[in-house]
Amino acid sequence: MEDKCYPWQQNIADIEKMAYMSGYEMIGGIDEAGRGPLAGPVVASVVILPQGLVIPGINDSKKLTPQQRERLYKIISTAAIDWGVGIVEPEVIDQVNILQATYMAMRQAVAKLRVNPRLLLVDGNLSVPDVEIPQYPVPRGDTFVASIQAASIISKVIRDKIMVEYDAIYPEYGFAKHKGYGTELHLQAIEQHGACGIHRTTYAPVRELLSRQVLVNKRKRRPQRLEVVPN
């Protein structure tokens, strides 16, 4: 659904409060985790928090420690009115590109909601195509919009758990440590072992290394998908 003119456009820092005051009783925040890594899925979440709920310590997931994220994940997943998660695997990312894969994950997350929000606040500069709910993109929304911060935490915790499971299948890559990001350790592992079945072969660092290596372990079994059904 196309964006329209909203009363908070001149006061974006208070967007959630003003949206409630404008009559939007159910507001969902959307964010993702895993656009940048060289391996693994992209995960998106939408979270609907009760109006006025204050969660001490909530922040952009990137600014939190793993322990803080885990604690907040438990609070959010219990306190939220509803939440949904979408997961798009690396082979799809390679097929459609990371932006379209992120949109797919976001649409999946919205489709899994049992409660329909009246408005979606999307982290970033763009709305999600083909979603029939009014939405508003919020640049840097994960720094000051609680529902977006909550979605970023849900997405990050779930994706990290997926990468830890992959680490048990592909221990030579160190996925439990770097979660698929392009660290020196990860790049060295790709150079030594080639790419595995969860690497994004269209990403430049992987593609360049593969020009000197071969794709290995492509058909190794994948871990059982984590349960991410809202509580």
C-alpha atoms as a PDB file:
ATOM      1  CA  MET A   1       0.000   0.000   0.000  1.00  0.00           C
ATOM      2  CA  GLU A   2       1.312   3.426  -0.918  1.00  0.00           C
ATOM      3  CA  ASP A   3       2.369   5.841   1.794  1.00  0.00           C
ATOM      4  CA  LYS A   4       0.168   8.865   2.465  1.00  0.00           C
ATOM      5  CA  CYS A   5       0.596  12.109   4.353  1.00  0.00           C
ATOM      6  CA  TYR A   6       0.889  11.551   8.091  1.00  0.00           C
ATOM      7  CA  PRO A   7       0.713  14.169  10.871  1.00  0.00           C
ATOM      8  CA  TRP A   8       4.051  13.159  12.390  1.00  0.00           C
ATOM      9  CA  GLN A   9       6.171  13.792   9.302  1.00  0.00           C
ATOM     10  CA  GLN A  10       7.654  16.930  10.858  1.00  0.00           C
ATOM     11  CA  ASN A  11       8.328  15.285  14.219  1.00  0.00           C
ATOM     12  CA  ILE A  12       9.653  11.843  13.366  1.00  0.00           C
ATOM     13  CA  ALA A  13      11.234  11.242  16.781  1.00  0.00           C
ATOM     14  CA  ASP A  14       7.750  10.995  18.349  1.00  0.00           C
ATOM     15  CA  ILE A  15       6.284   8.959  15.523  1.00  0.00           C
ATOM     16  CA  GLU A  16       4.923   6.128  17.668  1.00  0.00           C
ATOM     17  CA  LYS A  17       3.288   8.429  20.211  1.00  0.00           C
ATOM     18  CA  MET A  18       1.772  10.638  17.526  1.00  0.00           C
ATOM     19  CA  ALA A  19       0.523   7.633  15.564  1.00  0.00           C
ATOM     20  CA  TYR A  20      -1.355   6.426  18.633  1.00  0.00           C
ATOM     21  CA  MET A  21      -2.761   9.932  19.155  1.00  0.00           C
ATOM     22  CA  SER A  22      -3.910   9.895  15.522  1.00  0.00           C
ATOM     23  CA  GLY A  23      -6.044   6.829  16.179  1.00  0.00           C
ATOM     24  CA  TYR A  24      -3.760   3.984  15.125  1.00  0.00           C
ATOM     25  CA  GLU A  25      -4.464   1.578  17.985  1.00  0.00           C
ATOM     26  CA  MET A  26      -2.358  -1.318  16.721  1.00  0.00           C
ATOM     27  CA  ILE A  27       1.108  -0.424  15.428  1.00  0.00           C
ATOM     28  CA  GLY A  28       3.619  -2.957  14.155  1.00  0.00           C
ATOM     29  CA  GLY A  29       7.330  -2.288  13.887  1.00  0.00           C
ATOM     30  CA  ILE A  30       9.351  -4.092  11.216  1.00  0.00           C
ATOM     31  CA  ASP A  31      13.089  -4.696  11.059  1.00  0.00           C
ATOM     32  CA  GLU A  32      15.485  -7.315   9.751  1.00  0.00           C
ATOM     33  CA  ALA A  33      18.756  -8.999  10.594  1.00  0.00           C
ATOM     34  CA  GLY A  34      21.243 -10.465   8.169  1.00  0.00           C
ATOM     35  CA  ARG A  35      21.431  -8.277   5.087  1.00  0.00           C
ATOM     36  CA  GLY A  36      25.202  -7.921   5.278  1.00  0.00           C
ATOM     37  CA  PRO A  37      26.539 -11.405   6.105  1.00  0.00           C
ATOM     38  CA  LEU A  38      28.184 -13.620   3.515  1.00  0.00           C
ATOM     39  CA  ALA A  39      26.289 -16.693   4.704  1.00  0.00           C
ATOM     40  CA  GLY A  40      22.974 -17.707   6.187  1.00  0.00           C
ATOM     41  CA  PRO A  41      19.425 -16.390   5.868  1.00  0.00           C
ATOM     42  CA  VAL A  42      17.953 -12.946   6.178  1.00  0.00           C
ATOM     43  CA  VAL A  43      15.396 -12.790   8.992  1.00  0.00           C
ATOM     44  CA  ALA A  44      12.679 -10.164   9.406  1.00  0.00           C
ATOM     45  CA  SER A  45      10.226  -9.608  12.227  1.00  0.00           C
ATOM     46  CA  VAL A  46       7.171  -7.518  12.917  1.00  0.00           C
ATOM     47  CA  VAL A  47       6.229  -6.789  16.530  1.00  0.00           C
ATOM     48  CA  ILE A  48       3.060  -5.210  17.917  1.00  0.00           C
ATOM     49  CA  LEU A  49       3.661  -3.875  21.426  1.00  0.00           C
ATOM     50  CA  PRO A  50       0.946  -2.755  23.854  1.00  0.00           C
ATOM     51  CA  GLN A  51       0.433   0.996  23.758  1.00  0.00           C
ATOM     52  CA  GLY A  52       2.507   2.724  26.417  1.00  0.00           C
ATOM     53  CA  LEU A  53       4.616  -0.322  27.259  1.00  0.00           C
ATOM     54  CA  VAL A  54       8.080   0.652  28.454  1.00  0.00           C
ATOM     55  CA  ILE A  55      10.771  -2.031  28.210  1.00  0.00           C
ATOM     56  CA  PRO A  56      13.869  -0.957  30.162  1.00  0.00           C
ATOM     57  CA  GLY A  57      17.056  -1.325  28.143  1.00  0.00           C
ATOM     58  CA  ILE A  58      15.415  -1.778  24.750  1.00  0.00           C
ATOM     59  CA  ASN A  59      17.592  -0.495  21.918  1.00  0.00           C
ATOM     60  CA  ASP A  60      18.802  -1.273  18.437  1.00  0.00           C
ATOM     61  CA  SER A  61      19.922  -4.914  18.569  1.00  0.00           C
ATOM     62  CA  LYS A  62      23.343  -3.967  17.179  1.00  0.00           C
ATOM     63  CA  LYS A  63      23.997  -1.850  20.274  1.00  0.00           C
ATOM     64  CA  LEU A  64      23.246  -4.681  22.710  1.00  0.00           C
ATOM     65  CA  THR A  65      25.306  -7.598  23.966  1.00  0.00           C
ATOM     66  CA  PRO A  66      24.116 -11.151  23.231  1.00  0.00           C
ATOM     67  CA  GLN A  67      23.069 -11.490  26.870  1.00  0.00           C
ATOM     68  CA  GLN A  68      21.059  -8.261  26.737  1.00  0.00           C
ATOM     69  CA  ARG A  69      19.390  -9.327  23.489  1.00  0.00           C
ATOM     70  CA  GLU A  70      18.427 -12.702  24.930  1.00  0.00           C
ATOM     71  CA  ARG A  71      16.910 -11.102  28.034  1.00  0.00           C
ATOM     72  CA  LEU A  72      14.952  -8.598  25.959  1.00  0.00           C
ATOM     73  CA  TYR A  73      13.874 -11.308  23.509  1.00  0.00           C
ATOM     74  CA  LYS A  74      12.152 -13.159  26.339  1.00  0.00           C
ATOM     75  CA  ILE A  75      10.421  -9.993  27.535  1.00  0.00           C
ATOM     76  CA  ILE A  76       9.314  -8.926  24.058  1.00  0.00           C
ATOM     77  CA  SER A  77       8.068 -12.343  22.958  1.00  0.00           C
ATOM     78  CA  THR A  78       5.958 -12.566  26.112  1.00  0.00           C
ATOM     79  CA  ALA A  79       4.732  -8.966  26.365  1.00  0.00           C
ATOM     80  CA  ALA A  80       3.964  -8.336  22.678  1.00  0.00           C
ATOM     81  CA  ILE A  81       0.357  -8.358  21.529  1.00  0.00           C
ATOM     82  CA  ASP A  82       1.595 -10.343  18.544  1.00  0.00           C
ATOM     83  CA  TRP A  83       4.751 -10.914  16.540  1.00  0.00           C
ATOM     84  CA  GLY A  84       5.721 -12.720  13.365  1.00  0.00           C
ATOM     85  CA  VAL A  85       8.964 -13.824  11.749  1.00  0.00           C
ATOM     86  CA  GLY A  86       9.983 -14.397   8.138  1.00  0.00           C
ATOM     87  CA  ILE A  87      13.090 -16.296   7.050  1.00  0.00           C
ATOM     88  CA  VAL A  88      14.528 -16.328   3.525  1.00  0.00           C
ATOM     89  CA  GLU A  89      17.370 -18.726   2.794  1.00  0.00           C
ATOM     90  CA  PRO A  90      20.656 -17.833   1.053  1.00  0.00           C
ATOM     91  CA  GLU A  91      19.861 -19.627  -2.199  1.00  0.00           C
ATOM     92  CA  VAL A  92      16.828 -17.362  -2.603  1.00  0.00           C
ATOM     93  CA  ILE A  93      18.949 -14.326  -1.753  1.00  0.00           C
ATOM     94  CA  ASP A  94      21.274 -15.320  -4.599  1.00  0.00           C
ATOM     95  CA  GLN A  95      18.321 -15.704  -6.958  1.00  0.00           C
ATOM     96  CA  VAL A  96      16.470 -12.460  -6.289  1.00  0.00           C
ATOM     97  CA  ASN A  97      19.060 -10.164  -4.544  1.00  0.00           C
ATOM     98  CA  ILE A  98      19.173  -9.170  -0.889  1.00  0.00           C
ATOM     99  CA  LEU A  99      16.707  -6.269  -1.127  1.00  0.00           C
ATOM    100  CA  GLN A 100      13.978  -8.415  -2.651  1.00  0.00           C
ATOM    101  CA  ALA A 101      14.779 -11.244  -0.232  1.00  0.00           C
ATOM    102  CA  THR A 102      14.414  -8.809   2.671  1.00  0.00           C
ATOM    103  CA  TYR A 103      11.024  -7.723   1.360  1.00  0.00           C
ATOM    104  CA  MET A 104      10.025 -11.383   1.081  1.00  0.00           C
ATOM    105  CA  ALA A 105      11.015 -12.013   4.690  1.00  0.00           C
ATOM    106  CA  MET A 106       9.075  -8.940   5.826  1.00  0.00           C
ATOM    107  CA  ARG A 107       5.962 -10.030   3.927  1.00  0.00           C
ATOM    108  CA  GLN A 108       6.245 -13.483   5.493  1.00  0.00           C
ATOM    109  CA  ALA A 109       6.489 -11.911   8.943  1.00  0.00           C
ATOM    110  CA  VAL A 110       3.376  -9.794   8.381  1.00  0.00           C
ATOM    111  CA  ALA A 111       1.470 -12.785   6.990  1.00  0.00           C
ATOM    112  CA  LYS A 112       2.164 -14.756  10.172  1.00  0.00           C
ATOM    113  CA  LEU A 113       0.528 -12.183  12.426  1.00  0.00           C
ATOM    114  CA  ARG A 114      -2.715 -13.254  14.073  1.00  0.00           C
ATOM    115  CA  VAL A 115      -3.594  -9.630  14.872  1.00  0.00           C
ATOM    116  CA  ASN A 116      -3.805  -7.117  12.042  1.00  0.00           C
ATOM    117  CA  PRO A 117      -1.981  -3.853  12.808  1.00  0.00           C
ATOM    118  CA  ARG A 118      -3.509  -0.578  11.671  1.00  0.00           C
ATOM    119  CA  LEU A 119      -0.088   0.811  10.751  1.00  0.00           C
ATOM    120  CA  LEU A 120       3.367  -0.587  10.040  1.00  0.00           C
ATOM    121  CA  LEU A 121       6.508   1.376  10.889  1.00  0.00           C
ATOM    122  CA  VAL A 122       9.338   0.064   8.730  1.00  0.00           C
ATOM    123  CA  ASP A 123      12.981   0.632   9.616  1.00  0.00           C
ATOM    124  CA  GLY A 124      14.760   2.369   6.750  1.00  0.00           C
ATOM    125  CA  ASN A 125      13.851   4.564   3.803  1.00  0.00           C
ATOM    126  CA  LEU A 126      11.516   2.274   1.871  1.00  0.00           C
ATOM    127  CA  SER A 127       8.098   0.725   2.344  1.00  0.00           C
ATOM    128  CA  VAL A 128       7.531  -2.993   1.803  1.00  0.00           C
ATOM    129  CA  PRO A 129       5.886  -3.701  -1.574  1.00  0.00           C
ATOM    130  CA  ASP A 130       2.687  -5.741  -1.798  1.00  0.00           C
ATOM    131  CA  VAL A 131       1.609  -5.305   1.813  1.00  0.00           C
ATOM    132  CA  GLU A 132      -2.004  -4.140   2.121  1.00  0.00           C
ATOM    133  CA  ILE A 133      -1.534  -2.325   5.420  1.00  0.00           C
ATOM    134  CA  PRO A 134      -0.737   1.397   5.722  1.00  0.00           C
ATOM    135  CA  GLN A 135       2.965   1.767   6.392  1.00  0.00           C
ATOM    136  CA  TYR A 136       5.541   4.423   6.973  1.00  0.00           C
ATOM    137  CA  PRO A 137       9.325   4.061   6.524  1.00  0.00           C
ATOM    138  CA  VAL A 138      11.382   5.433   9.411  1.00  0.00           C
ATOM    139  CA  PRO A 139      15.079   6.136   8.727  1.00  0.00           C
ATOM    140  CA  ARG A 140      17.125   4.989  11.726  1.00  0.00           C
ATOM    141  CA  GLY A 141      13.893   3.834  13.319  1.00  0.00           C
ATOM    142  CA  ASP A 142      15.769   1.220  15.316  1.00  0.00           C
ATOM    143  CA  THR A 143      17.327   4.036  17.348  1.00  0.00           C
ATOM    144  CA  PHE A 144      14.091   5.528  18.736  1.00  0.00           C
ATOM    145  CA  VAL A 145      10.972   3.526  17.783  1.00  0.00           C
ATOM    146  CA  ALA A 146      10.277   0.855  20.398  1.00  0.00           C
ATOM    147  CA  SER A 147       8.344  -1.519  18.143  1.00  0.00           C
ATOM    148  CA  ILE A 148      11.112  -1.395  15.516  1.00  0.00           C
ATOM    149  CA  GLN A 149      13.748  -1.956  18.201  1.00  0.00           C
ATOM    150  CA  ALA A 150      11.747  -4.946  19.410  1.00  0.00           C
ATOM    151  CA  ALA A 151      11.593  -6.335  15.869  1.00  0.00           C
ATOM    152  CA  SER A 152      15.339  -5.871  15.450  1.00  0.00           C
ATOM    153  CA  ILE A 153      15.975  -7.852  18.640  1.00  0.00           C
ATOM    154  CA  ILE A 154      13.620 -10.688  17.679  1.00  0.00           C
ATOM    155  CA  SER A 155      15.208 -10.924  14.226  1.00  0.00           C
ATOM    156  CA  LYS A 156      18.769 -10.848  15.527  1.00  0.00           C
ATOM    157  CA  VAL A 157      18.268 -13.442  18.265  1.00  0.00           C
ATOM    158  CA  ILE A 158      16.506 -15.880  15.947  1.00  0.00           C
ATOM    159  CA  ARG A 159      19.085 -15.455  13.189  1.00  0.00           C
ATOM    160  CA  ASP A 160      21.976 -15.926  15.612  1.00  0.00           C
ATOM    161  CA  LYS A 161      20.406 -19.175  16.848  1.00  0.00           C
ATOM    162  CA  ILE A 162      20.083 -20.394  13.271  1.00  0.00           C
ATOM    163  CA  MET A 163      23.760 -19.648  12.636  1.00  0.00           C
ATOM    164  CA  VAL A 164      24.784 -21.521  15.789  1.00  0.00           C
ATOM    165  CA  GLU A 165      22.896 -24.547  14.446  1.00  0.00           C
ATOM    166  CA  TYR A 166      24.701 -24.197  11.134  1.00  0.00           C
ATOM    167  CA  ASP A 167      27.990 -24.096  13.026  1.00  0.00           C
ATOM    168  CA  ALA A 168      27.355 -27.663  14.165  1.00  0.00           C
ATOM    169  CA  ILE A 169      26.963 -28.734  10.533  1.00  0.00           C
ATOM    170  CA  TYR A 170      29.821 -26.666   9.112  1.00  0.00           C
ATOM    171  CA  PRO A 171      32.236 -26.355  12.080  1.00  0.00           C
ATOM    172  CA  GLU A 172      35.167 -25.384   9.881  1.00  0.00           C
ATOM    173  CA  TYR A 173      33.675 -21.937   9.173  1.00  0.00           C
ATOM    174  CA  GLY A 174      33.150 -20.619  12.710  1.00  0.00           C
ATOM    175  CA  PHE A 175      29.548 -19.509  12.158  1.00  0.00           C
ATOM    176  CA  ALA A 176      28.832 -19.502  15.905  1.00  0.00           C
ATOM    177  CA  LYS A 177      31.448 -16.772  16.323  1.00  0.00           C
ATOM    178  CA  HIS A 178      30.837 -14.400  13.425  1.00  0.00           C
ATOM    179  CA  LYS A 179      27.278 -15.394  12.407  1.00  0.00           C
ATOM    180  CA  GLY A 180      28.240 -15.324   8.740  1.00  0.00           C
ATOM    181  CA  TYR A 181      29.679 -11.812   8.606  1.00  0.00           C
ATOM    182  CA  GLY A 182      32.818 -11.187   6.568  1.00  0.00           C
ATOM    183  CA  THR A 183      35.392 -11.337   9.337  1.00  0.00           C
ATOM    184  CA  GLU A 184      39.005 -12.229   8.662  1.00  0.00           C
ATOM    185  CA  LEU A 185      38.408 -15.646  10.245  1.00  0.00           C
ATOM    186  CA  HIS A 186      35.449 -16.281   7.960  1.00  0.00           C
ATOM    187  CA  LEU A 187      37.246 -15.192   4.796  1.00  0.00           C
ATOM    188  CA  GLN A 188      40.215 -17.382   5.665  1.00  0.00           C
ATOM    189  CA  ALA A 189      37.876 -20.336   6.146  1.00  0.00           C
ATOM    190  CA  ILE A 190      36.267 -19.796   2.745  1.00  0.00           C
ATOM    191  CA  GLU A 191      39.687 -19.548   1.122  1.00  0.00           C
ATOM    192  CA  GLN A 192      40.782 -22.757   2.803  1.00  0.00           C
ATOM    193  CA  HIS A 193      37.619 -24.860   2.516  1.00  0.00           C
ATOM    194  CA  GLY A 194      35.672 -23.277  -0.314  1.00  0.00           C
ATOM    195  CA  ALA A 195      32.049 -22.198   0.123  1.00  0.00           C
ATOM    196  CA  CYS A 196      29.367 -24.333   1.716  1.00  0.00           C
ATOM    197  CA  GLY A 197      25.646 -24.660   1.084  1.00  0.00           C
ATOM    198  CA  ILE A 198      24.659 -21.563   3.063  1.00  0.00           C
ATOM    199  CA  HIS A 199      27.101 -19.099   1.512  1.00  0.00           C
ATOM    200  CA  ARG A 200      25.723 -16.284  -0.626  1.00  0.00           C
ATOM    201  CA  THR A 201      27.658 -16.909  -3.796  1.00  0.00           C
ATOM    202  CA  THR A 202      26.547 -13.648  -5.429  1.00  0.00           C
ATOM    203  CA  TYR A 203      28.198 -11.562  -2.690  1.00  0.00           C
ATOM    204  CA  ALA A 204      31.469 -10.118  -3.964  1.00  0.00           C
ATOM    205  CA  PRO A 205      33.856 -11.494  -1.279  1.00  0.00           C
ATOM    206  CA  VAL A 206      32.479 -15.022  -1.726  1.00  0.00           C
ATOM    207  CA  ARG A 207      32.349 -14.732  -5.505  1.00  0.00           C
ATOM    208  CA  GLU A 208      35.950 -13.544  -5.649  1.00  0.00           C
ATOM    209  CA  LEU A 209      37.158 -16.363  -3.417  1.00  0.00           C
ATOM    210  CA  LEU A 210      35.164 -18.874  -5.455  1.00  0.00           C
ATOM    211  CA  SER A 211      36.958 -17.744  -8.575  1.00  0.00           C
ATOM    212  CA  ARG A 212      39.936 -19.525  -7.015  1.00  0.00           C
ATOM    213  CA  GLN A 213      38.071 -22.262  -5.205  1.00  0.00           C
ATOM    214  CA  VAL A 214      35.183 -24.671  -5.729  1.00  0.00           C
ATOM    215  CA  LEU A 215      31.793 -24.851  -4.073  1.00  0.00           C
ATOM    216  CA  VAL A 216      31.920 -27.696  -1.554  1.00  0.00           C
ATOM    217  CA  ASN A 217      29.450 -29.396   0.739  1.00  0.00           C
ATOM    218  CA  LYS A 218      26.636 -27.889  -1.282  1.00  0.00           C
ATOM    219  CA  ARG A 219      24.125 -30.599  -0.433  1.00  0.00           C
ATOM    220  CA  LYS A 220      24.850 -31.125   3.235  1.00  0.00           C
ATOM    221  CA  ARG A 221      21.689 -31.409   5.288  1.00  0.00           C
ATOM    222  CA  ARG A 222      20.304 -28.244   6.812  1.00  0.00           C
ATOM    223  CA  PRO A 223      19.332 -27.851  10.449  1.00  0.00           C
ATOM    224  CA  GLN A 224      15.737 -28.321  11.506  1.00  0.00           C
ATOM    225  CA  ARG A 225      13.994 -24.962  11.344  1.00  0.00           C
ATOM    226  CA  LEU A 226      13.627 -23.227  14.680  1.00  0.00           C
ATOM    227  CA  GLU A 227      10.155 -22.779  16.132  1.00  0.00           C
ATOM    228  CA  VAL A 228       9.339 -19.089  15.922  1.00  0.00           C
ATOM    229  CA  VAL A 229       5.608 -19.209  16.546  1.00  0.00           C
ATOM    230  CA  PRO A 230       4.548 -16.271  18.739  1.00  0.00           C
ATOM    231  CA  ASN A 231       3.801 -17.076  22.367  1.00  0.00           C
END
